[in-house]
Protein backbone atom coordinates (compact mmCIF):
# COMPACT_ATOMS: atom_id res chain seq x y z
CA MET A 1 96.75 -37.85 -56.03
CA LEU A 2 94.50 -37.57 -59.14
CA ARG A 3 93.62 -33.86 -58.89
CA PRO A 4 94.28 -32.11 -62.24
CA LYS A 5 96.74 -29.02 -62.62
CA VAL A 6 94.97 -25.84 -63.54
CA PRO A 7 97.36 -23.46 -65.51
CA THR A 8 97.60 -19.79 -63.94
CA ASN A 9 97.32 -17.05 -66.11
CA PRO A 10 99.41 -14.18 -65.73
CA THR A 11 98.74 -11.09 -65.91
CA PRO A 12 97.92 -9.08 -69.47
CA THR A 13 100.88 -7.13 -70.12
CA GLY A 14 99.81 -5.08 -72.87
CA HIS A 15 102.21 -6.67 -75.44
CA LEU A 16 99.89 -6.43 -78.51
CA THR A 17 100.96 -8.28 -82.09
CA PRO A 18 101.44 -6.14 -84.63
CA ALA A 19 98.28 -5.76 -87.64
CA ALA A 20 98.58 -7.44 -90.52
CA VAL A 21 99.47 -6.16 -93.33
CA VAL A 22 97.16 -6.93 -96.30
CA GLU A 23 98.55 -6.77 -99.60
CA PRO A 24 96.31 -6.66 -102.35
CA THR A 25 96.32 -10.36 -105.21
CA THR A 26 94.93 -10.52 -108.78
CA VAL A 27 92.07 -11.68 -109.99
CA ILE A 28 92.24 -14.43 -112.98
CA GLN A 29 89.25 -15.07 -115.26
CA GLN A 30 88.83 -18.60 -115.61
CA GLN A 31 86.82 -20.16 -119.28
CA PRO A 32 83.25 -20.94 -118.34
CA MET A 33 83.28 -25.09 -118.42
CA ALA A 34 80.73 -26.82 -120.24
CA PRO A 35 78.30 -28.74 -118.14
CA ALA A 36 79.19 -32.26 -116.90
CA PRO A 37 76.50 -35.07 -119.23
CA ALA A 38 73.84 -36.78 -117.21
CA PRO A 39 75.46 -39.38 -115.46
CA ALA A 40 73.55 -42.75 -116.88
CA PRO A 41 71.08 -44.22 -114.18
CA ALA A 42 72.34 -47.09 -111.73
CA ARG A 43 69.62 -49.09 -112.53
CA PRO A 44 65.99 -49.65 -115.02
CA THR A 45 63.44 -47.16 -113.98
CA VAL A 46 59.79 -49.30 -113.32
CA GLN A 47 57.21 -48.65 -115.79
CA LEU A 48 53.65 -49.16 -114.64
CA THR A 49 51.06 -50.33 -117.24
CA PRO A 50 47.89 -50.35 -116.61
CA GLY A 51 47.46 -53.85 -115.27
CA THR A 52 50.60 -53.75 -112.91
CA ALA A 53 49.15 -50.79 -111.33
CA LEU A 54 45.38 -52.65 -111.28
CA ALA A 55 47.70 -55.60 -109.33
CA LEU A 56 49.43 -53.93 -107.20
CA VAL A 57 45.88 -52.00 -105.83
CA GLY A 58 44.15 -55.36 -106.23
CA GLY A 59 47.22 -56.86 -103.99
CA GLY A 60 47.04 -53.77 -101.15
CA THR A 61 43.59 -53.77 -100.54
CA ALA A 62 43.66 -57.78 -100.19
CA VAL A 63 46.45 -57.14 -96.88
CA VAL A 64 44.77 -54.17 -95.83
CA LEU A 65 41.41 -56.86 -95.82
CA VAL A 66 43.64 -59.73 -94.12
CA VAL A 67 45.11 -57.44 -91.31
CA GLY A 68 41.81 -55.96 -90.82
CA ALA A 69 40.37 -59.48 -89.89
CA VAL A 70 43.16 -60.95 -88.08
CA LEU A 71 42.76 -57.45 -85.72
CA VAL A 72 38.99 -57.76 -85.87
CA SER A 73 39.09 -61.62 -84.78
CA MET A 74 42.05 -60.72 -81.87
CA LEU A 75 39.63 -57.75 -80.50
CA LEU A 76 36.86 -60.04 -80.07
CA ALA A 77 38.53 -62.82 -78.57
CA VAL A 78 39.69 -60.24 -75.82
CA ALA A 79 35.94 -59.09 -75.42
CA ILE A 80 34.60 -62.26 -75.42
CA THR A 81 37.30 -63.36 -72.84
CA GLY A 82 36.43 -60.63 -70.70
CA ALA A 83 32.85 -61.37 -70.64
CA SER A 84 33.54 -65.28 -69.88
CA VAL A 85 36.01 -64.03 -66.87
CA ALA A 86 32.78 -61.33 -65.54
CA VAL A 87 29.79 -64.14 -65.84
CA CYS A 88 32.57 -66.57 -63.67
CA ALA A 89 33.08 -63.93 -61.16
CA VAL A 90 29.57 -63.38 -61.08
CA VAL A 91 28.52 -66.70 -60.51
CA LEU A 92 31.45 -67.21 -57.73
CA ARG A 93 30.45 -64.55 -55.78
CA SER A 94 26.66 -65.82 -55.80
CA LEU A 95 27.68 -68.89 -54.69
CA LEU A 96 29.81 -67.78 -51.92
CA ALA A 97 26.64 -65.53 -50.68
CA SER A 98 24.50 -68.38 -50.24
CA GLU A 99 27.15 -70.60 -48.60
CA ALA A 100 27.28 -67.70 -45.82
CA LYS A 101 23.46 -67.45 -45.48
CA ARG A 102 23.13 -71.41 -45.35
CA ARG A 103 25.49 -71.15 -41.83
């Protein structure tokens, strides 16, 4: 029902189309056009003064220091949590082992 119908390809008969006739055309020389004027910038360019550059460097340094401090504090929190879980595991193991010896 939903099968596509594939067209059958008849065997080639040997008929060829005649070769197209190429006729020469004339070449028309055009005058060289003057270069188009450069378009005006859509927005004014930003000029950095030494004070502005110094402010950008200071701001970037502050951002890097703040992000670094946050990442280091997160790493420290993970390390402290891991150490405290390990200590809790050792204490529980010790308590369970001493309970087993008493019985």
